[in-house]
N, C-alpha and C. Protein backbone atom coordinates (compact mmCIF):
# COMPACT_ATOMS: atom_id res chain seq x y z
N MET A 1 -122.44 91.50 73.29
CA MET A 1 -121.83 90.62 72.19
C MET A 1 -121.13 89.76 72.69
N PRO A 2 -121.18 88.49 73.14
CA PRO A 2 -120.50 87.32 73.51
C PRO A 2 -119.11 87.24 72.52
N THR A 3 -117.88 87.08 73.09
CA THR A 3 -116.81 87.34 73.02
C THR A 3 -115.43 85.90 72.91
N LEU A 4 -114.78 85.78 72.31
CA LEU A 4 -113.36 84.93 72.27
C LEU A 4 -112.51 84.98 72.72
N ASP A 5 -111.93 84.29 73.97
CA ASP A 5 -110.72 84.29 74.75
C ASP A 5 -109.57 83.55 73.47
N VAL A 6 -108.79 84.60 72.38
CA VAL A 6 -107.94 83.91 71.85
C VAL A 6 -106.57 84.11 72.24
N HIS A 7 -106.01 82.90 72.02
CA HIS A 7 -104.09 82.84 72.00
C HIS A 7 -103.70 82.11 71.37
N VAL A 8 -102.81 82.95 70.25
CA VAL A 8 -101.78 82.34 69.58
C VAL A 8 -100.23 82.28 70.10
N VAL A 9 -100.25 81.23 70.20
CA VAL A 9 -98.61 80.56 70.73
C VAL A 9 -97.58 79.85 69.48
N THR A 10 -96.53 79.95 69.84
CA THR A 10 -95.42 79.24 69.00
C THR A 10 -94.58 78.54 70.38
N PRO A 11 -93.89 77.61 69.84
CA PRO A 11 -92.96 77.15 70.88
C PRO A 11 -92.41 78.26 71.64
N GLU A 12 -91.40 79.32 71.00
CA GLU A 12 -91.20 80.30 71.79
C GLU A 12 -91.37 81.01 72.56
N ARG A 13 -92.91 81.22 72.15
CA ARG A 13 -93.80 83.00 72.59
C ARG A 13 -94.97 82.70 72.55
N GLU A 14 -95.66 83.36 72.97
CA GLU A 14 -96.92 83.97 72.63
C GLU A 14 -96.82 85.16 72.19
N VAL A 15 -97.40 84.73 70.83
CA VAL A 15 -97.55 85.96 69.80
C VAL A 15 -98.95 87.24 69.64
N TRP A 16 -99.92 86.63 70.42
CA TRP A 16 -101.37 87.25 70.94
C TRP A 16 -101.90 86.48 71.54
N SER A 17 -102.77 87.62 72.43
CA SER A 17 -103.49 86.97 73.44
C SER A 17 -104.57 88.11 73.53
N GLY A 18 -106.05 88.21 73.82
CA GLY A 18 -107.10 89.10 73.89
C GLY A 18 -108.60 88.43 73.61
N THR A 19 -109.26 89.32 73.44
CA THR A 19 -110.77 88.94 73.04
C THR A 19 -110.59 89.34 72.27
N ALA A 20 -111.93 88.67 71.38
CA ALA A 20 -112.28 89.07 69.75
C ALA A 20 -113.76 88.70 69.53
N GLN A 21 -114.24 89.10 68.15
CA GLN A 21 -115.66 88.62 67.61
C GLN A 21 -115.39 87.41 67.13
N MET A 22 -114.63 87.19 66.46
CA MET A 22 -114.45 86.07 65.11
C MET A 22 -112.74 85.95 65.03
N VAL A 23 -112.67 84.49 64.76
CA VAL A 23 -111.28 84.31 64.32
C VAL A 23 -111.59 83.37 62.57
N VAL A 24 -110.86 83.68 62.09
CA VAL A 24 -110.44 82.96 60.70
C VAL A 24 -109.40 82.51 60.49
N ALA A 25 -109.73 81.39 60.29
CA ALA A 25 -108.34 80.57 59.85
C ALA A 25 -108.21 79.68 58.50
N HIS A 26 -107.06 79.23 58.13
CA HIS A 26 -107.11 78.60 56.84
C HIS A 26 -106.40 76.99 57.28
N GLY A 27 -107.54 75.86 57.10
CA GLY A 27 -107.12 74.59 57.54
C GLY A 27 -106.92 73.89 56.14
N VAL A 28 -106.04 72.95 56.56
CA VAL A 28 -105.56 72.33 55.62
C VAL A 28 -106.91 71.85 54.77
N GLU A 29 -108.18 71.97 54.74
CA GLU A 29 -109.36 71.45 54.28
C GLU A 29 -110.04 72.41 53.94
N GLY A 30 -109.75 73.78 54.28
CA GLY A 30 -110.22 74.86 53.68
C GLY A 30 -110.26 76.25 55.05
N ASP A 31 -111.07 76.93 54.67
CA ASP A 31 -111.49 78.33 55.70
C ASP A 31 -112.18 77.88 56.62
N VAL A 32 -112.22 78.24 57.73
CA VAL A 32 -113.16 78.02 59.14
C VAL A 32 -113.40 79.17 59.76
N GLY A 33 -114.54 79.44 59.91
CA GLY A 33 -114.66 80.82 60.90
C GLY A 33 -115.47 80.55 62.36
N ILE A 34 -114.76 81.24 63.58
CA ILE A 34 -114.91 81.00 64.32
C ILE A 34 -115.51 82.21 65.20
N LEU A 35 -117.00 81.94 65.92
CA LEU A 35 -117.49 82.77 66.17
C LEU A 35 -117.89 82.49 67.97
N ALA A 36 -118.35 83.00 69.23
CA ALA A 36 -118.74 82.56 70.52
C ALA A 36 -119.72 81.74 70.32
N GLY A 37 -119.32 80.61 71.09
CA GLY A 37 -120.88 79.65 71.11
C GLY A 37 -120.17 78.43 70.43
N HIS A 38 -119.39 78.58 69.69
CA HIS A 38 -118.67 77.71 68.23
C HIS A 38 -118.64 76.08 69.05
N ALA A 39 -118.85 74.87 68.53
CA ALA A 39 -118.55 73.86 68.85
C ALA A 39 -117.70 73.53 69.06
N PRO A 40 -116.88 72.51 69.83
CA PRO A 40 -115.66 71.90 69.75
C PRO A 40 -114.85 71.42 68.40
N LEU A 41 -113.92 72.12 68.36
CA LEU A 41 -112.91 71.89 67.14
C LEU A 41 -111.70 71.92 67.10
N LEU A 42 -111.17 70.81 66.40
CA LEU A 42 -109.73 70.75 66.64
C LEU A 42 -109.07 70.63 64.80
N ILE A 43 -108.42 71.53 64.41
CA ILE A 43 -108.11 71.44 62.70
C ILE A 43 -106.64 71.54 62.59
N ARG A 44 -106.14 70.91 61.27
CA ARG A 44 -104.40 71.40 61.15
C ARG A 44 -104.41 72.67 60.50
N LEU A 45 -103.83 73.46 60.38
CA LEU A 45 -103.68 74.80 59.84
C LEU A 45 -102.95 74.70 58.87
N ALA A 46 -102.80 75.10 57.83
CA ALA A 46 -101.77 75.33 56.62
C ALA A 46 -101.23 76.54 56.70
N ASN A 47 -100.45 76.68 56.34
CA ASN A 47 -99.25 78.14 55.91
C ASN A 47 -100.01 79.34 55.24
N ALA A 48 -100.75 80.09 56.18
CA ALA A 48 -101.91 81.22 55.45
C ALA A 48 -101.65 82.01 56.75
N PRO A 49 -102.13 83.21 56.62
CA PRO A 49 -103.05 84.48 57.34
C PRO A 49 -104.06 83.79 58.27
N LEU A 50 -103.82 84.01 59.27
CA LEU A 50 -104.83 83.85 60.46
C LEU A 50 -105.53 85.14 60.40
N ARG A 51 -106.85 85.35 60.66
CA ARG A 51 -107.43 86.67 61.12
C ARG A 51 -108.06 86.93 62.19
N ILE A 52 -107.98 87.83 62.96
CA ILE A 52 -108.75 88.12 64.07
C ILE A 52 -109.45 89.20 64.17
N GLN A 53 -110.93 89.42 64.53
CA GLN A 53 -111.66 90.73 64.51
C GLN A 53 -111.98 90.95 66.13
N ARG A 54 -111.15 92.13 66.24
CA ARG A 54 -110.95 92.52 67.73
C ARG A 54 -112.21 92.78 67.71
N GLU A 55 -112.05 93.28 69.31
CA GLU A 55 -113.88 93.50 69.79
C GLU A 55 -114.22 94.94 69.06
N ASP A 56 -113.38 95.85 68.83
CA ASP A 56 -113.95 97.19 68.17
C ASP A 56 -114.11 96.95 66.96
N GLY A 57 -114.03 95.78 66.06
CA GLY A 57 -114.27 95.60 65.08
C GLY A 57 -113.30 95.58 64.00
N ARG A 58 -111.87 96.37 64.52
CA ARG A 58 -110.73 95.94 63.36
C ARG A 58 -110.29 94.63 63.47
N TRP A 59 -109.46 94.78 62.38
CA TRP A 59 -109.00 93.47 62.03
C TRP A 59 -107.38 93.15 62.09
N GLU A 60 -106.90 92.03 62.30
CA GLU A 60 -105.77 92.09 62.80
C GLU A 60 -105.31 90.89 62.38
N ARG A 61 -104.24 90.62 61.79
CA ARG A 61 -103.56 88.89 60.99
C ARG A 61 -102.11 88.85 61.44
N THR A 62 -101.86 87.67 61.11
CA THR A 62 -100.47 87.08 61.52
C THR A 62 -100.09 85.98 60.63
N ALA A 63 -98.97 85.90 59.84
CA ALA A 63 -98.63 84.34 59.27
C ALA A 63 -98.61 83.60 60.17
N VAL A 64 -99.47 82.19 59.78
CA VAL A 64 -99.18 80.87 60.46
C VAL A 64 -98.34 79.98 59.85
N GLU A 65 -97.32 79.41 59.99
CA GLU A 65 -96.89 78.66 59.37
C GLU A 65 -96.94 77.08 59.90
N GLY A 66 -98.09 76.71 59.69
CA GLY A 66 -98.62 75.05 60.36
C GLY A 66 -99.39 75.13 61.74
N GLY A 67 -99.37 74.25 62.39
CA GLY A 67 -99.99 74.04 63.64
C GLY A 67 -101.42 73.44 63.67
N PHE A 68 -101.74 74.02 65.04
CA PHE A 68 -103.01 73.25 64.74
C PHE A 68 -103.98 74.66 65.70
N MET A 69 -105.65 74.69 65.30
CA MET A 69 -106.45 75.55 66.36
C MET A 69 -107.43 74.40 66.68
N HIS A 70 -107.42 74.86 67.73
CA HIS A 70 -108.47 74.04 69.00
C HIS A 70 -109.44 75.19 69.80
N VAL A 71 -110.36 74.52 69.67
CA VAL A 71 -111.71 75.43 70.04
C VAL A 71 -112.68 74.87 71.37
N THR A 72 -113.01 75.24 72.30
CA THR A 72 -113.53 74.67 73.31
C THR A 72 -114.79 76.05 73.29
N SER A 73 -115.87 75.43 73.95
CA SER A 73 -116.87 76.12 74.07
C SER A 73 -117.70 75.66 75.37
N GLY A 74 -117.95 76.52 76.59
CA GLY A 74 -118.56 76.19 77.77
C GLY A 74 -119.27 77.20 78.47
N ASP A 75 -119.61 76.88 79.84
CA ASP A 75 -120.34 77.78 80.71
C ASP A 75 -119.49 79.28 80.81
N ASP A 76 -118.08 78.89 80.81
CA ASP A 76 -117.30 80.25 80.88
C ASP A 76 -116.75 80.82 79.89
N GLY A 77 -117.61 80.26 78.40
CA GLY A 77 -117.40 81.15 77.39
C GLY A 77 -116.69 80.01 76.14
N THR A 78 -116.04 80.65 74.83
CA THR A 78 -115.34 79.95 74.33
C THR A 78 -113.94 80.93 74.03
N ARG A 79 -113.32 79.51 73.70
CA ARG A 79 -111.74 79.61 73.90
C ARG A 79 -110.97 79.33 72.46
N VAL A 80 -110.10 80.18 71.81
CA VAL A 80 -109.63 79.80 70.79
C VAL A 80 -108.00 79.70 70.79
N ASP A 81 -107.65 78.27 70.63
CA ASP A 81 -105.75 78.04 70.93
C ASP A 81 -105.40 78.02 69.75
N VAL A 82 -104.19 78.98 69.46
CA VAL A 82 -103.76 78.69 67.51
C VAL A 82 -102.58 77.94 68.12
N LEU A 83 -101.72 76.98 68.01
CA LEU A 83 -100.71 76.55 68.07
C LEU A 83 -100.04 76.41 67.10
N ALA A 84 -99.45 77.14 66.89
CA ALA A 84 -98.26 77.33 65.63
C ALA A 84 -96.79 77.12 65.59
N SER A 85 -96.19 76.43 64.51
CA SER A 85 -95.10 75.96 64.55
C SER A 85 -94.12 77.48 64.73
N GLN A 86 -94.69 78.59 63.65
CA GLN A 86 -94.02 79.74 63.50
C GLN A 86 -95.31 81.06 63.11
N ALA A 87 -94.84 82.01 63.91
CA ALA A 87 -96.23 82.79 63.34
C ALA A 87 -95.62 83.90 63.58
N GLY A 88 -96.05 85.03 62.62
CA GLY A 88 -95.59 86.39 62.77
C GLY A 88 -95.96 87.22 63.70
N ASP A 89 -95.67 88.61 64.30
CA ASP A 89 -96.37 89.41 64.71
C ASP A 89 -97.53 89.83 64.39
N VAL A 90 -98.70 89.93 65.32
CA VAL A 90 -99.99 90.13 64.62
C VAL A 90 -100.09 91.51 64.52
N ALA A 91 -100.41 92.16 63.20
CA ALA A 91 -100.55 93.24 62.61
C ALA A 91 -101.62 93.70 62.30
N GLU A 92 -101.96 95.20 62.13
CA GLU A 92 -103.46 95.37 62.03
C GLU A 92 -103.43 95.73 60.56
N ALA A 93 -104.71 95.30 60.10
CA ALA A 93 -104.87 94.82 58.68
C ALA A 93 -106.14 95.66 58.44
N GLU A 94 -106.35 96.06 57.00
CA GLU A 94 -107.93 96.37 56.52
C GLU A 94 -108.86 95.71 56.79
N ALA A 95 -110.05 96.43 57.48
CA ALA A 95 -111.27 95.47 57.34
C ALA A 95 -111.90 94.46 56.19
N GLY A 96 -111.92 93.45 56.64
CA GLY A 96 -112.41 92.72 55.49
C GLY A 96 -111.40 91.84 54.37
N GLN A 97 -109.96 92.10 55.14
CA GLN A 97 -108.83 91.23 54.26
C GLN A 97 -108.78 89.73 54.96
């Protein structure tokens, strides 16, 4: 199964980096789910949890306070960059949350 190359960063540090099956974010205009091969996208994020489904199916989440999510896809795969003003540590969450 194709995966995403995900990077969650703040101005101070990298919060999380790795491969994932899916990313679900809450933009200012609603939720968006990102899978491998997604069209290029740039959205402004709302203050809400960011959910990351790891390759093994487990869900992780972090609280994101504003910022942007940038998605690019090409021959080398799909990359998701979350550039947040602030973000908490990524913690394991129950599947489906």
